[in-house]
Amino acid sequence: MLLERHGFEVQIRTNQAPAENSCRTAVDVLFRSTAKIYGAGVLAVVLTGMGQDGLHGCEGIREVGGQILARQTGIPTLFFDGRSRS
């Protein structure tokens, strides 16, 4: 997903660009677009992740003065195989 500004409105849409970090739903895309629109007003919360997904997006948020909260490493990680269990 990503955010786009259209005049005074901000809309969220699905990202159709090539996969990043080996996944289509990379949070880097969302974080970068959020930082671009909201700048220093961004607060990102990272609870879990896979590989380096989120790293570059978090760097973009920090570059514009936003803040990031992340869970402490060493806490058991959620493993997701891509299939919904609901």
PDB file of N, CA and C in Angstrom:
ATOM      1  N   MET A   1       0.843  -1.175   0.000  1.00  0.00           N
ATOM      2  CA  MET A   1       0.000   0.000   0.000  1.00  0.00           C
ATOM      3  C   MET A   1       0.888   1.237   0.000  1.00  0.00           C
ATOM      4  N   LEU A   2       0.299   2.318  -0.467  1.00  0.00           N
ATOM      5  CA  LEU A   2       0.994   3.591  -0.415  1.00  0.00           C
ATOM      6  C   LEU A   2      -0.013   4.716  -0.317  1.00  0.00           C
ATOM      7  N   LEU A   3       0.451   5.865   0.133  1.00  0.00           N
ATOM      8  CA  LEU A   3      -0.391   7.040   0.242  1.00  0.00           C
ATOM      9  C   LEU A   3      -0.091   7.970  -0.915  1.00  0.00           C
ATOM     10  N   GLU A   4      -1.131   8.622  -1.421  1.00  0.00           N
ATOM     11  CA  GLU A   4      -0.986   9.615  -2.476  1.00  0.00           C
ATOM     12  C   GLU A   4      -1.819  10.839  -2.130  1.00  0.00           C
ATOM     13  N   ARG A   5      -1.250  12.010  -2.371  1.00  0.00           N
ATOM     14  CA  ARG A   5      -1.990  13.250  -2.147  1.00  0.00           C
ATOM     15  C   ARG A   5      -2.630  13.677  -3.463  1.00  0.00           C
ATOM     16  N   HIS A   6      -3.922  14.009  -3.385  1.00  0.00           N
ATOM     17  CA  HIS A   6      -4.675  14.538  -4.521  1.00  0.00           C
ATOM     18  C   HIS A   6      -5.355  15.806  -4.032  1.00  0.00           C
ATOM     19  N   GLY A   7      -4.724  16.952  -4.295  1.00  0.00           N
ATOM     20  CA  GLY A   7      -5.250  18.209  -3.771  1.00  0.00           C
ATOM     21  C   GLY A   7      -5.153  18.218  -2.262  1.00  0.00           C
ATOM     22  N   PHE A   8      -6.296  18.383  -1.603  1.00  0.00           N
ATOM     23  CA  PHE A   8      -6.318  18.391  -0.137  1.00  0.00           C
ATOM     24  C   PHE A   8      -6.573  17.005   0.453  1.00  0.00           C
ATOM     25  N   GLU A   9      -6.811  16.021  -0.391  1.00  0.00           N
ATOM     26  CA  GLU A   9      -7.106  14.665   0.078  1.00  0.00           C
ATOM     27  C   GLU A   9      -5.871  13.779   0.024  1.00  0.00           C
ATOM     28  N   VAL A  10      -5.785  12.852   0.963  1.00  0.00           N
ATOM     29  CA  VAL A  10      -4.763  11.808   0.940  1.00  0.00           C
ATOM     30  C   VAL A  10      -5.498  10.494   0.809  1.00  0.00           C
ATOM     31  N   GLN A  11      -5.082   9.701  -0.171  1.00  0.00           N
ATOM     32  CA  GLN A  11      -5.735   8.416  -0.430  1.00  0.00           C
ATOM     33  C   GLN A  11      -4.723   7.292  -0.285  1.00  0.00           C
ATOM     34  N   ILE A  12      -5.220   6.144   0.145  1.00  0.00           N
ATOM     35  CA  ILE A  12      -4.382   4.957   0.229  1.00  0.00           C
ATOM     36  C   ILE A  12      -4.769   4.040  -0.939  1.00  0.00           C
ATOM     37  N   ARG A  13      -3.758   3.447  -1.564  1.00  0.00           N
ATOM     38  CA  ARG A  13      -4.045   2.537  -2.675  1.00  0.00           C
ATOM     39  C   ARG A  13      -3.036   1.389  -2.645  1.00  0.00           C
ATOM     40  N   THR A  14      -3.363   0.366  -3.385  1.00  0.00           N
ATOM     41  CA  THR A  14      -2.436  -0.764  -3.473  1.00  0.00           C
ATOM     42  C   THR A  14      -1.286  -0.405  -4.398  1.00  0.00           C
ATOM     43  N   ASN A  15      -0.135  -0.916  -4.094  1.00  0.00           N
ATOM     44  CA  ASN A  15       1.063  -0.669  -4.873  1.00  0.00           C
ATOM     45  C   ASN A  15       1.178  -1.725  -5.963  1.00  0.00           C
ATOM     46  N   GLN A  16       1.295  -1.299  -7.209  1.00  0.00           N
ATOM     47  CA  GLN A  16       1.400  -2.228  -8.325  1.00  0.00           C
ATOM     48  C   GLN A  16       2.808  -2.273  -8.916  1.00  0.00           C
ATOM     49  N   ALA A  17       3.753  -1.604  -8.277  1.00  0.00           N
ATOM     50  CA  ALA A  17       5.144  -1.620  -8.735  1.00  0.00           C
ATOM     51  C   ALA A  17       5.764  -2.995  -8.464  1.00  0.00           C
ATOM     52  N   PRO A  18       6.918  -3.281  -9.073  1.00  0.00           N
ATOM     53  CA  PRO A  18       7.578  -4.558  -8.796  1.00  0.00           C
ATOM     54  C   PRO A  18       7.816  -4.754  -7.288  1.00  0.00           C
ATOM     55  N   ALA A  19       7.842  -6.007  -6.876  1.00  0.00           N
ATOM     56  CA  ALA A  19       8.027  -6.339  -5.459  1.00  0.00           C
ATOM     57  C   ALA A  19       9.339  -5.778  -4.924  1.00  0.00           C
ATOM     58  N   GLU A  20       9.313  -5.343  -3.673  1.00  0.00           N
ATOM     59  CA  GLU A  20      10.517  -4.903  -2.960  1.00  0.00           C
ATOM     60  C   GLU A  20      10.737  -5.870  -1.809  1.00  0.00           C
ATOM     61  N   ASN A  21      11.978  -6.125  -1.479  1.00  0.00           N
ATOM     62  CA  ASN A  21      12.300  -7.019  -0.366  1.00  0.00           C
ATOM     63  C   ASN A  21      11.593  -8.365  -0.510  1.00  0.00           C
ATOM     64  N   SER A  22      11.454  -8.811  -1.738  1.00  0.00           N
ATOM     65  CA  SER A  22      10.840 -10.102  -2.060  1.00  0.00           C
ATOM     66  C   SER A  22       9.357 -10.189  -1.727  1.00  0.00           C
ATOM     67  N   CYS A  23       8.686  -9.041  -1.575  1.00  0.00           N
ATOM     68  CA  CYS A  23       7.243  -9.107  -1.309  1.00  0.00           C
ATOM     69  C   CYS A  23       6.530  -7.904  -1.920  1.00  0.00           C
ATOM     70  N   ARG A  24       5.314  -8.118  -2.335  1.00  0.00           N
ATOM     71  CA  ARG A  24       4.511  -7.056  -2.943  1.00  0.00           C
ATOM     72  C   ARG A  24       4.012  -6.077  -1.878  1.00  0.00           C
ATOM     73  N   THR A  25       3.772  -6.536  -0.707  1.00  0.00           N
ATOM     74  CA  THR A  25       3.234  -5.664   0.341  1.00  0.00           C
ATOM     75  C   THR A  25       4.329  -5.097   1.241  1.00  0.00           C
ATOM     76  N   ALA A  26       5.469  -4.765   0.661  1.00  0.00           N
ATOM     77  CA  ALA A  26       6.590  -4.232   1.441  1.00  0.00           C
ATOM     78  C   ALA A  26       6.174  -2.961   2.174  1.00  0.00           C
ATOM     79  N   VAL A  27       6.475  -2.892   3.460  1.00  0.00           N
ATOM     80  CA  VAL A  27       6.111  -1.719   4.250  1.00  0.00           C
ATOM     81  C   VAL A  27       7.002  -0.528   3.895  1.00  0.00           C
ATOM     82  N   ASP A  28       8.152  -0.760   3.272  1.00  0.00           N
ATOM     83  CA  ASP A  28       9.009   0.344   2.832  1.00  0.00           C
ATOM     84  C   ASP A  28       8.232   1.316   1.946  1.00  0.00           C
ATOM     85  N   VAL A  29       7.416   0.799   1.051  1.00  0.00           N
ATOM     86  CA  VAL A  29       6.635   1.637   0.131  1.00  0.00           C
ATOM     87  C   VAL A  29       5.684   2.536   0.922  1.00  0.00           C
ATOM     88  N   LEU A  30       4.971   1.954   1.874  1.00  0.00           N
ATOM     89  CA  LEU A  30       4.038   2.724   2.697  1.00  0.00           C
ATOM     90  C   LEU A  30       4.781   3.765   3.525  1.00  0.00           C
ATOM     91  N   PHE A  31       5.879   3.372   4.163  1.00  0.00           N
ATOM     92  CA  PHE A  31       6.639   4.310   4.996  1.00  0.00           C
ATOM     93  C   PHE A  31       7.184   5.472   4.173  1.00  0.00           C
ATOM     94  N   ARG A  32       7.734   5.194   2.991  1.00  0.00           N
ATOM     95  CA  ARG A  32       8.282   6.272   2.153  1.00  0.00           C
ATOM     96  C   ARG A  32       7.199   7.249   1.720  1.00  0.00           C
ATOM     97  N   SER A  33       6.062   6.726   1.283  1.00  0.00           N
ATOM     98  CA  SER A  33       4.995   7.609   0.821  1.00  0.00           C
ATOM     99  C   SER A  33       4.410   8.411   1.983  1.00  0.00           C
ATOM    100  N   THR A  34       4.337   7.820   3.161  1.00  0.00           N
ATOM    101  CA  THR A  34       3.840   8.516   4.341  1.00  0.00           C
ATOM    102  C   THR A  34       4.796   9.640   4.733  1.00  0.00           C
ATOM    103  N   ALA A  35       6.094   9.374   4.700  1.00  0.00           N
ATOM    104  CA  ALA A  35       7.097  10.397   5.025  1.00  0.00           C
ATOM    105  C   ALA A  35       7.034  11.551   4.039  1.00  0.00           C
ATOM    106  N   LYS A  36       6.821  11.244   2.776  1.00  0.00           N
ATOM    107  CA  LYS A  36       6.753  12.281   1.739  1.00  0.00           C
ATOM    108  C   LYS A  36       5.571  13.228   1.986  1.00  0.00           C
ATOM    109  N   ILE A  37       4.452  12.688   2.419  1.00  0.00           N
ATOM    110  CA  ILE A  37       3.250  13.496   2.616  1.00  0.00           C
ATOM    111  C   ILE A  37       3.231  14.192   3.971  1.00  0.00           C
ATOM    112  N   TYR A  38       3.568  13.473   5.037  1.00  0.00           N
ATOM    113  CA  TYR A  38       3.393  14.012   6.390  1.00  0.00           C
ATOM    114  C   TYR A  38       4.682  14.492   7.054  1.00  0.00           C
ATOM    115  N   GLY A  39       5.826  14.200   6.472  1.00  0.00           N
ATOM    116  CA  GLY A  39       7.098  14.702   6.998  1.00  0.00           C
ATOM    117  C   GLY A  39       7.324  14.363   8.462  1.00  0.00           C
ATOM    118  N   ALA A  40       7.686  15.377   9.241  1.00  0.00           N
ATOM    119  CA  ALA A  40       8.030  15.185  10.649  1.00  0.00           C
ATOM    120  C   ALA A  40       6.843  14.738  11.498  1.00  0.00           C
ATOM    121  N   GLY A  41       5.637  14.783  10.951  1.00  0.00           N
ATOM    122  CA  GLY A  41       4.456  14.362  11.706  1.00  0.00           C
ATOM    123  C   GLY A  41       4.223  12.863  11.721  1.00  0.00           C
ATOM    124  N   VAL A  42       5.125  12.082  11.119  1.00  0.00           N
ATOM    125  CA  VAL A  42       4.948  10.628  11.031  1.00  0.00           C
ATOM    126  C   VAL A  42       5.445   9.935  12.297  1.00  0.00           C
ATOM    127  N   LEU A  43       4.654   9.001  12.785  1.00  0.00           N
ATOM    128  CA  LEU A  43       5.071   8.077  13.834  1.00  0.00           C
ATOM    129  C   LEU A  43       4.811   6.671  13.297  1.00  0.00           C
ATOM    130  N   ALA A  44       5.882   5.933  13.003  1.00  0.00           N
ATOM    131  CA  ALA A  44       5.771   4.563  12.510  1.00  0.00           C
ATOM    132  C   ALA A  44       5.935   3.603  13.679  1.00  0.00           C
ATOM    133  N   VAL A  45       5.135   2.557  13.702  1.00  0.00           N
ATOM    134  CA  VAL A  45       5.221   1.531  14.737  1.00  0.00           C
ATOM    135  C   VAL A  45       5.485   0.199  14.039  1.00  0.00           C
ATOM    136  N   VAL A  46       6.622  -0.413  14.367  1.00  0.00           N
ATOM    137  CA  VAL A  46       7.026  -1.683  13.760  1.00  0.00           C
ATOM    138  C   VAL A  46       6.976  -2.740  14.851  1.00  0.00           C
ATOM    139  N   LEU A  47       6.067  -3.703  14.698  1.00  0.00           N
ATOM    140  CA  LEU A  47       5.913  -4.748  15.706  1.00  0.00           C
ATOM    141  C   LEU A  47       6.607  -6.043  15.316  1.00  0.00           C
ATOM    142  N   THR A  48       6.683  -6.322  14.043  1.00  0.00           N
ATOM    143  CA  THR A  48       7.338  -7.529  13.565  1.00  0.00           C
ATOM    144  C   THR A  48       7.736  -7.299  12.117  1.00  0.00           C
ATOM    145  N   GLY A  49       8.516  -8.179  11.572  1.00  0.00           N
ATOM    146  CA  GLY A  49       8.923  -8.013  10.191  1.00  0.00           C
ATOM    147  C   GLY A  49       9.692  -9.217   9.694  1.00  0.00           C
ATOM    148  N   MET A  50      10.027  -9.145   8.416  1.00  0.00           N
ATOM    149  CA  MET A  50      10.793 -10.221   7.788  1.00  0.00           C
ATOM    150  C   MET A  50      11.949  -9.600   7.028  1.00  0.00           C
ATOM    151  N   GLY A  51      13.140 -10.081   7.257  1.00  0.00           N
ATOM    152  CA  GLY A  51      14.304  -9.591   6.541  1.00  0.00           C
ATOM    153  C   GLY A  51      14.522  -8.116   6.795  1.00  0.00           C
ATOM    154  N   GLN A  52      14.783  -7.379   5.714  1.00  0.00           N
ATOM    155  CA  GLN A  52      15.071  -5.950   5.846  1.00  0.00           C
ATOM    156  C   GLN A  52      13.890  -5.076   5.445  1.00  0.00           C
ATOM    157  N   ASP A  53      12.716  -5.675   5.258  1.00  0.00           N
ATOM    158  CA  ASP A  53      11.543  -4.892   4.907  1.00  0.00           C
ATOM    159  C   ASP A  53      11.262  -3.894   6.026  1.00  0.00           C
ATOM    160  N   GLY A  54      11.190  -2.636   5.671  1.00  0.00           N
ATOM    161  CA  GLY A  54      10.946  -1.575   6.643  1.00  0.00           C
ATOM    162  C   GLY A  54      12.166  -0.727   6.926  1.00  0.00           C
ATOM    163  N   LEU A  55      13.362  -1.287   6.711  1.00  0.00           N
ATOM    164  CA  LEU A  55      14.595  -0.565   7.019  1.00  0.00           C
ATOM    165  C   LEU A  55      14.701   0.740   6.236  1.00  0.00           C
ATOM    166  N   HIS A  56      14.555   0.671   4.915  1.00  0.00           N
ATOM    167  CA  HIS A  56      14.718   1.869   4.096  1.00  0.00           C
ATOM    168  C   HIS A  56      13.569   2.856   4.305  1.00  0.00           C
ATOM    169  N   GLY A  57      12.389   2.343   4.530  1.00  0.00           N
ATOM    170  CA  GLY A  57      11.259   3.223   4.825  1.00  0.00           C
ATOM    171  C   GLY A  57      11.459   3.966   6.134  1.00  0.00           C
ATOM    172  N   CYS A  58      11.990   3.277   7.140  1.00  0.00           N
ATOM    173  CA  CYS A  58      12.275   3.919   8.427  1.00  0.00           C
ATOM    174  C   CYS A  58      13.367   4.982   8.266  1.00  0.00           C
ATOM    175  N   GLU A  59      14.353   4.691   7.448  1.00  0.00           N
ATOM    176  CA  GLU A  59      15.397   5.689   7.195  1.00  0.00           C
ATOM    177  C   GLU A  59      14.798   6.942   6.571  1.00  0.00           C
ATOM    178  N   GLY A  60      13.854   6.758   5.641  1.00  0.00           N
ATOM    179  CA  GLY A  60      13.189   7.897   5.022  1.00  0.00           C
ATOM    180  C   GLY A  60      12.380   8.709   6.026  1.00  0.00           C
ATOM    181  N   ILE A  61      11.731   8.028   6.952  1.00  0.00           N
ATOM    182  CA  ILE A  61      10.962   8.713   7.987  1.00  0.00           C
ATOM    183  C   ILE A  61      11.893   9.531   8.880  1.00  0.00           C
ATOM    184  N   ARG A  62      13.013   8.943   9.269  1.00  0.00           N
ATOM    185  CA  ARG A  62      13.978   9.658  10.122  1.00  0.00           C
ATOM    186  C   ARG A  62      14.570  10.872   9.394  1.00  0.00           C
ATOM    187  N   GLU A  63      14.818  10.743   8.090  1.00  0.00           N
ATOM    188  CA  GLU A  63      15.387  11.849   7.313  1.00  0.00           C
ATOM    189  C   GLU A  63      14.487  13.082   7.311  1.00  0.00           C
ATOM    190  N   VAL A  64      13.169  12.890   7.393  1.00  0.00           N
ATOM    191  CA  VAL A  64      12.252  14.031   7.398  1.00  0.00           C
ATOM    192  C   VAL A  64      11.855  14.444   8.815  1.00  0.00           C
ATOM    193  N   GLY A  65      12.458  13.820   9.818  1.00  0.00           N
ATOM    194  CA  GLY A  65      12.196  14.194  11.205  1.00  0.00           C
ATOM    195  C   GLY A  65      11.101  13.423  11.892  1.00  0.00           C
ATOM    196  N   GLY A  66      10.597  12.367  11.254  1.00  0.00           N
ATOM    197  CA  GLY A  66       9.570  11.531  11.874  1.00  0.00           C
ATOM    198  C   GLY A  66      10.161  10.616  12.935  1.00  0.00           C
ATOM    199  N   GLN A  67       9.311   9.891  13.613  1.00  0.00           N
ATOM    200  CA  GLN A  67       9.732   8.994  14.689  1.00  0.00           C
ATOM    201  C   GLN A  67       9.322   7.566  14.393  1.00  0.00           C
ATOM    202  N   ILE A  68      10.104   6.634  14.937  1.00  0.00           N
ATOM    203  CA  ILE A  68       9.835   5.209  14.757  1.00  0.00           C
ATOM    204  C   ILE A  68       9.880   4.520  16.116  1.00  0.00           C
ATOM    205  N   LEU A  69       8.894   3.698  16.391  1.00  0.00           N
ATOM    206  CA  LEU A  69       8.894   2.812  17.553  1.00  0.00           C
ATOM    207  C   LEU A  69       8.992   1.392  17.023  1.00  0.00           C
ATOM    208  N   ALA A  70       9.881   0.595  17.595  1.00  0.00           N
ATOM    209  CA  ALA A  70      10.037  -0.793  17.150  1.00  0.00           C
ATOM    210  C   ALA A  70      10.141  -1.696  18.364  1.00  0.00           C
ATOM    211  N   ARG A  71       9.653  -2.914  18.203  1.00  0.00           N
ATOM    212  CA  ARG A  71       9.735  -3.869  19.311  1.00  0.00           C
ATOM    213  C   ARG A  71      11.186  -4.266  19.526  1.00  0.00           C
ATOM    214  N   GLN A  72      11.483  -4.689  20.708  1.00  0.00           N
ATOM    215  CA  GLN A  72      12.829  -5.095  21.067  1.00  0.00           C
ATOM    216  C   GLN A  72      13.187  -6.411  20.382  1.00  0.00           C
ATOM    217  N   THR A  73      14.419  -6.493  19.872  1.00  0.00           N
ATOM    218  CA  THR A  73      14.856  -7.753  19.276  1.00  0.00           C
ATOM    219  C   THR A  73      15.007  -8.807  20.365  1.00  0.00           C
ATOM    220  N   GLY A  74      14.969 -10.048  19.954  1.00  0.00           N
ATOM    221  CA  GLY A  74      15.073 -11.139  20.912  1.00  0.00           C
ATOM    222  C   GLY A  74      13.722 -11.679  21.335  1.00  0.00           C
ATOM    223  N   ILE A  75      12.665 -10.951  21.055  1.00  0.00           N
ATOM    224  CA  ILE A  75      11.315 -11.430  21.325  1.00  0.00           C
ATOM    225  C   ILE A  75      10.939 -12.369  20.184  1.00  0.00           C
ATOM    226  N   PRO A  76      10.312 -13.488  20.450  1.00  0.00           N
ATOM    227  CA  PRO A  76       9.998 -14.436  19.375  1.00  0.00           C
ATOM    228  C   PRO A  76       9.351 -13.765  18.165  1.00  0.00           C
ATOM    229  N   THR A  77       9.797 -14.142  16.999  1.00  0.00           N
ATOM    230  CA  THR A  77       9.332 -13.562  15.742  1.00  0.00           C
ATOM    231  C   THR A  77       8.180 -14.362  15.172  1.00  0.00           C
ATOM    232  N   LEU A  78       7.243 -13.685  14.583  1.00  0.00           N
ATOM    233  CA  LEU A  78       6.116 -14.316  13.901  1.00  0.00           C
ATOM    234  C   LEU A  78       6.584 -14.780  12.529  1.00  0.00           C
ATOM    235  N   PHE A  79       6.339 -16.027  12.218  1.00  0.00           N
ATOM    236  CA  PHE A  79       6.680 -16.540  10.897  1.00  0.00           C
ATOM    237  C   PHE A  79       5.407 -16.628  10.073  1.00  0.00           C
ATOM    238  N   PHE A  80       5.421 -16.077   8.898  1.00  0.00           N
ATOM    239  CA  PHE A  80       4.245 -15.994   8.043  1.00  0.00           C
ATOM    240  C   PHE A  80       4.583 -16.624   6.712  1.00  0.00           C
ATOM    241  N   ASP A  81       3.779 -17.609   6.319  1.00  0.00           N
ATOM    242  CA  ASP A  81       4.042 -18.311   5.073  1.00  0.00           C
ATOM    243  C   ASP A  81       3.192 -17.785   3.911  1.00  0.00           C
ATOM    244  N   GLY A  82       2.487 -16.661   4.129  1.00  0.00           N
ATOM    245  CA  GLY A  82       1.724 -16.050   3.053  1.00  0.00           C
ATOM    246  C   GLY A  82       0.283 -16.496   2.961  1.00  0.00           C
ATOM    247  N   ARG A  83      -0.124 -17.466   3.773  1.00  0.00           N
ATOM    248  CA  ARG A  83      -1.506 -17.964   3.704  1.00  0.00           C
ATOM    249  C   ARG A  83      -2.303 -17.459   4.906  1.00  0.00           C
ATOM    250  N   SER A  84      -3.472 -16.966   4.646  1.00  0.00           N
ATOM    251  CA  SER A  84      -4.360 -16.508   5.707  1.00  0.00           C
ATOM    252  C   SER A  84      -4.892 -17.700   6.501  1.00  0.00           C
ATOM    253  N   ARG A  85      -4.999 -17.541   7.800  1.00  0.00           N
ATOM    254  CA  ARG A  85      -5.535 -18.607   8.654  1.00  0.00           C
ATOM    255  C   ARG A  85      -6.973 -18.297   9.078  1.00  0.00           C
ATOM    256  N   SER A  86      -7.497 -17.156   8.653  1.00  0.00           N
ATOM    257  CA  SER A  86      -8.852 -16.771   9.092  1.00  0.00           C
ATOM    258  C   SER A  86      -9.918 -17.421   8.229  1.00  0.00           C
TER     259      SER A  86
END
